[in-house]
Amino acid sequence: MAFDSMLVRDSLDRYRAQPAFLLKKLALNTVLFWTHSQTALKTMVVTFLQWR
């Protein structure tokens, strides 16, 4: 439980410190939602974008 709380706190702190990170994450997750597993190429491109 304590570890989960620490992870949530760290995540929220990162979003507060870097609002652009949240926007990037939302945008990438939107793309992932619509393209994941449609084709191997789309899945690889989305995976690459998430690792950057």
PDB file of N, CA and C in Angstrom:
ATOM      1  N   MET A   1       0.809  -1.198   0.000  1.00  0.00           N
ATOM      2  CA  MET A   1       0.000   0.000   0.000  1.00  0.00           C
ATOM      3  C   MET A   1       0.855   1.266   0.000  1.00  0.00           C
ATOM      4  N   ALA A   2       1.872   1.298   0.809  1.00  0.00           N
ATOM      5  CA  ALA A   2       2.713   2.489   0.892  1.00  0.00           C
ATOM      6  C   ALA A   2       3.415   2.755  -0.429  1.00  0.00           C
ATOM      7  N   PHE A   3       3.828   1.675  -1.101  1.00  0.00           N
ATOM      8  CA  PHE A   3       4.513   1.833  -2.379  1.00  0.00           C
ATOM      9  C   PHE A   3       3.572   2.412  -3.427  1.00  0.00           C
ATOM     10  N   ASP A   4       2.320   1.943  -3.450  1.00  0.00           N
ATOM     11  CA  ASP A   4       1.326   2.484  -4.382  1.00  0.00           C
ATOM     12  C   ASP A   4       1.089   3.971  -4.127  1.00  0.00           C
ATOM     13  N   SER A   5       0.994   4.343  -2.885  1.00  0.00           N
ATOM     14  CA  SER A   5       0.786   5.753  -2.540  1.00  0.00           C
ATOM     15  C   SER A   5       1.952   6.604  -3.005  1.00  0.00           C
ATOM     16  N   MET A   6       3.148   6.073  -2.859  1.00  0.00           N
ATOM     17  CA  MET A   6       4.335   6.801  -3.293  1.00  0.00           C
ATOM     18  C   MET A   6       4.320   6.984  -4.814  1.00  0.00           C
ATOM     19  N   LEU A   7       3.934   5.939  -5.549  1.00  0.00           N
ATOM     20  CA  LEU A   7       3.884   6.041  -7.001  1.00  0.00           C
ATOM     21  C   LEU A   7       2.844   7.060  -7.461  1.00  0.00           C
ATOM     22  N   VAL A   8       1.692   7.058  -6.827  1.00  0.00           N
ATOM     23  CA  VAL A   8       0.651   8.034  -7.173  1.00  0.00           C
ATOM     24  C   VAL A   8       1.136   9.446  -6.892  1.00  0.00           C
ATOM     25  N   ARG A   9       1.747   9.649  -5.746  1.00  0.00           N
ATOM     26  CA  ARG A   9       2.260  10.976  -5.384  1.00  0.00           C
ATOM     27  C   ARG A   9       3.325  11.433  -6.378  1.00  0.00           C
ATOM     28  N   ASP A  10       4.243  10.535  -6.737  1.00  0.00           N
ATOM     29  CA  ASP A  10       5.292  10.883  -7.706  1.00  0.00           C
ATOM     30  C   ASP A  10       4.688  11.232  -9.067  1.00  0.00           C
ATOM     31  N   SER A  11       3.686  10.478  -9.467  1.00  0.00           N
ATOM     32  CA  SER A  11       3.029  10.733 -10.745  1.00  0.00           C
ATOM     33  C   SER A  11       2.346  12.096 -10.745  1.00  0.00           C
ATOM     34  N   LEU A  12       1.602  12.389  -9.706  1.00  0.00           N
ATOM     35  CA  LEU A  12       0.922  13.688  -9.618  1.00  0.00           C
ATOM     36  C   LEU A  12       1.919  14.843  -9.563  1.00  0.00           C
ATOM     37  N   ASP A  13       3.013  14.645  -8.845  1.00  0.00           N
ATOM     38  CA  ASP A  13       4.058  15.680  -8.795  1.00  0.00           C
ATOM     39  C   ASP A  13       4.640  15.934 -10.187  1.00  0.00           C
ATOM     40  N   ARG A  14       4.824  14.876 -10.952  1.00  0.00           N
ATOM     41  CA  ARG A  14       5.370  15.045 -12.310  1.00  0.00           C
ATOM     42  C   ARG A  14       4.386  15.807 -13.193  1.00  0.00           C
ATOM     43  N   TYR A  15       3.100  15.493 -13.074  1.00  0.00           N
ATOM     44  CA  TYR A  15       2.100  16.212 -13.871  1.00  0.00           C
ATOM     45  C   TYR A  15       2.050  17.684 -13.499  1.00  0.00           C
ATOM     46  N   ARG A  16       2.195  17.990 -12.220  1.00  0.00           N
ATOM     47  CA  ARG A  16       2.196  19.401 -11.796  1.00  0.00           C
ATOM     48  C   ARG A  16       3.441  20.130 -12.289  1.00  0.00           C
ATOM     49  N   ALA A  17       4.571  19.446 -12.220  1.00  0.00           N
ATOM     50  CA  ALA A  17       5.839  20.073 -12.615  1.00  0.00           C
ATOM     51  C   ALA A  17       5.979  20.185 -14.134  1.00  0.00           C
ATOM     52  N   GLN A  18       5.382  19.225 -14.871  1.00  0.00           N
ATOM     53  CA  GLN A  18       5.516  19.198 -16.327  1.00  0.00           C
ATOM     54  C   GLN A  18       4.143  18.987 -16.979  1.00  0.00           C
ATOM     55  N   PRO A  19       3.324  20.024 -17.050  1.00  0.00           N
ATOM     56  CA  PRO A  19       1.994  19.868 -17.637  1.00  0.00           C
ATOM     57  C   PRO A  19       2.022  19.353 -19.080  1.00  0.00           C
ATOM     58  N   ALA A  20       3.068  19.665 -19.809  1.00  0.00           N
ATOM     59  CA  ALA A  20       3.176  19.189 -21.192  1.00  0.00           C
ATOM     60  C   ALA A  20       3.294  17.669 -21.242  1.00  0.00           C
ATOM     61  N   PHE A  21       3.862  17.071 -20.211  1.00  0.00           N
ATOM     62  CA  PHE A  21       3.974  15.611 -20.158  1.00  0.00           C
ATOM     63  C   PHE A  21       2.588  14.971 -20.148  1.00  0.00           C
ATOM     64  N   LEU A  22       1.672  15.533 -19.395  1.00  0.00           N
ATOM     65  CA  LEU A  22       0.307  15.007 -19.349  1.00  0.00           C
ATOM     66  C   LEU A  22      -0.357  15.122 -20.716  1.00  0.00           C
ATOM     67  N   LEU A  23      -0.186  16.243 -21.375  1.00  0.00           N
ATOM     68  CA  LEU A  23      -0.777  16.418 -22.710  1.00  0.00           C
ATOM     69  C   LEU A  23      -0.187  15.425 -23.702  1.00  0.00           C
ATOM     70  N   LYS A  24       1.126  15.216 -23.640  1.00  0.00           N
ATOM     71  CA  LYS A  24       1.781  14.244 -24.524  1.00  0.00           C
ATOM     72  C   LYS A  24       1.249  12.844 -24.250  1.00  0.00           C
ATOM     73  N   LYS A  25       1.121  12.510 -22.980  1.00  0.00           N
ATOM     74  CA  LYS A  25       0.633  11.181 -22.609  1.00  0.00           C
ATOM     75  C   LYS A  25      -0.802  10.971 -23.095  1.00  0.00           C
ATOM     76  N   LEU A  26      -1.641  11.976 -22.934  1.00  0.00           N
ATOM     77  CA  LEU A  26      -3.028  11.874 -23.411  1.00  0.00           C
ATOM     78  C   LEU A  26      -3.078  11.703 -24.927  1.00  0.00           C
ATOM     79  N   ALA A  27      -2.271  12.472 -25.627  1.00  0.00           N
ATOM     80  CA  ALA A  27      -2.253  12.377 -27.090  1.00  0.00           C
ATOM     81  C   ALA A  27      -1.776  11.002 -27.552  1.00  0.00           C
ATOM     82  N   LEU A  28      -0.702  10.514 -26.956  1.00  0.00           N
ATOM     83  CA  LEU A  28      -0.186   9.208 -27.351  1.00  0.00           C
ATOM     84  C   LEU A  28      -1.149   8.086 -27.001  1.00  0.00           C
ATOM     85  N   ASN A  29      -1.800   8.184 -25.854  1.00  0.00           N
ATOM     86  CA  ASN A  29      -2.761   7.147 -25.481  1.00  0.00           C
ATOM     87  C   ASN A  29      -3.984   7.165 -26.392  1.00  0.00           C
ATOM     88  N   THR A  30      -4.358   8.335 -26.869  1.00  0.00           N
ATOM     89  CA  THR A  30      -5.465   8.421 -27.825  1.00  0.00           C
ATOM     90  C   THR A  30      -5.092   7.708 -29.124  1.00  0.00           C
ATOM     91  N   VAL A  31      -3.893   7.975 -29.610  1.00  0.00           N
ATOM     92  CA  VAL A  31      -3.428   7.308 -30.825  1.00  0.00           C
ATOM     93  C   VAL A  31      -3.354   5.799 -30.594  1.00  0.00           C
ATOM     94  N   LEU A  32      -2.818   5.405 -29.460  1.00  0.00           N
ATOM     95  CA  LEU A  32      -2.707   3.978 -29.154  1.00  0.00           C
ATOM     96  C   LEU A  32      -4.081   3.321 -29.136  1.00  0.00           C
ATOM     97  N   PHE A  33      -5.044   3.965 -28.530  1.00  0.00           N
ATOM     98  CA  PHE A  33      -6.390   3.407 -28.443  1.00  0.00           C
ATOM     99  C   PHE A  33      -6.960   3.128 -29.824  1.00  0.00           C
ATOM    100  N   TRP A  34      -6.744   4.029 -30.752  1.00  0.00           N
ATOM    101  CA  TRP A  34      -7.341   3.893 -32.082  1.00  0.00           C
ATOM    102  C   TRP A  34      -6.532   3.023 -33.033  1.00  0.00           C
ATOM    103  N   THR A  35      -5.237   2.829 -32.768  1.00  0.00           N
ATOM    104  CA  THR A  35      -4.420   2.108 -33.750  1.00  0.00           C
ATOM    105  C   THR A  35      -3.858   0.788 -33.264  1.00  0.00           C
ATOM    106  N   HIS A  36      -3.843   0.544 -31.991  1.00  0.00           N
ATOM    107  CA  HIS A  36      -3.186  -0.649 -31.460  1.00  0.00           C
ATOM    108  C   HIS A  36      -3.761  -1.922 -32.075  1.00  0.00           C
ATOM    109  N   SER A  37      -2.885  -2.696 -32.632  1.00  0.00           N
ATOM    110  CA  SER A  37      -3.186  -4.013 -33.194  1.00  0.00           C
ATOM    111  C   SER A  37      -3.964  -3.988 -34.501  1.00  0.00           C
ATOM    112  N   GLN A  38      -4.206  -2.831 -35.071  1.00  0.00           N
ATOM    113  CA  GLN A  38      -4.834  -2.828 -36.398  1.00  0.00           C
ATOM    114  C   GLN A  38      -3.861  -3.412 -37.406  1.00  0.00           C
ATOM    115  N   THR A  39      -2.619  -2.948 -37.329  1.00  0.00           N
ATOM    116  CA  THR A  39      -1.563  -3.513 -38.173  1.00  0.00           C
ATOM    117  C   THR A  39      -0.282  -3.544 -37.345  1.00  0.00           C
ATOM    118  N   ALA A  40       0.616  -4.400 -37.742  1.00  0.00           N
ATOM    119  CA  ALA A  40       1.890  -4.494 -37.014  1.00  0.00           C
ATOM    120  C   ALA A  40       2.673  -3.185 -37.110  1.00  0.00           C
ATOM    121  N   LEU A  41       2.637  -2.549 -38.271  1.00  0.00           N
ATOM    122  CA  LEU A  41       3.381  -1.301 -38.437  1.00  0.00           C
ATOM    123  C   LEU A  41       2.847  -0.200 -37.516  1.00  0.00           C
ATOM    124  N   LYS A  42       1.533  -0.047 -37.453  1.00  0.00           N
ATOM    125  CA  LYS A  42       0.956   0.981 -36.573  1.00  0.00           C
ATOM    126  C   LYS A  42       1.314   0.705 -35.116  1.00  0.00           C
ATOM    127  N   THR A  43       1.262  -0.539 -34.720  1.00  0.00           N
ATOM    128  CA  THR A  43       1.601  -0.886 -33.345  1.00  0.00           C
ATOM    129  C   THR A  43       3.062  -0.562 -33.053  1.00  0.00           C
ATOM    130  N   MET A  44       3.961  -0.843 -33.989  1.00  0.00           N
ATOM    131  CA  MET A  44       5.380  -0.541 -33.784  1.00  0.00           C
ATOM    132  C   MET A  44       5.625   0.965 -33.713  1.00  0.00           C
ATOM    133  N   VAL A  45       4.944   1.739 -34.549  1.00  0.00           N
ATOM    134  CA  VAL A  45       5.114   3.193 -34.535  1.00  0.00           C
ATOM    135  C   VAL A  45       4.648   3.764 -33.205  1.00  0.00           C
ATOM    136  N   VAL A  46       3.490   3.345 -32.741  1.00  0.00           N
ATOM    137  CA  VAL A  46       2.968   3.843 -31.467  1.00  0.00           C
ATOM    138  C   VAL A  46       3.890   3.437 -30.325  1.00  0.00           C
ATOM    139  N   THR A  47       4.385   2.220 -30.346  1.00  0.00           N
ATOM    140  CA  THR A  47       5.316   1.768 -29.311  1.00  0.00           C
ATOM    141  C   THR A  47       6.572   2.625 -29.311  1.00  0.00           C
ATOM    142  N   PHE A  48       7.096   2.928 -30.487  1.00  0.00           N
ATOM    143  CA  PHE A  48       8.276   3.780 -30.584  1.00  0.00           C
ATOM    144  C   PHE A  48       8.003   5.165 -29.994  1.00  0.00           C
ATOM    145  N   LEU A  49       6.841   5.741 -30.300  1.00  0.00           N
ATOM    146  CA  LEU A  49       6.516   7.068 -29.792  1.00  0.00           C
ATOM    147  C   LEU A  49       6.396   7.068 -28.277  1.00  0.00           C
ATOM    148  N   GLN A  50       5.894   6.012 -27.704  1.00  0.00           N
ATOM    149  CA  GLN A  50       5.743   5.952 -26.256  1.00  0.00           C
ATOM    150  C   GLN A  50       7.085   5.822 -25.543  1.00  0.00           C
ATOM    151  N   TRP A  51       8.073   5.257 -26.192  1.00  0.00           N
ATOM    152  CA  TRP A  51       9.375   5.052 -25.558  1.00  0.00           C
ATOM    153  C   TRP A  51      10.227   6.300 -25.600  1.00  0.00           C
ATOM    154  N   ARG A  52       9.832   7.320 -26.349  1.00  0.00           N
ATOM    155  CA  ARG A  52      10.628   8.537 -26.489  1.00  0.00           C
ATOM    156  C   ARG A  52      10.431   9.447 -25.322  1.00  0.00           C
TER     157      ARG A  52
END
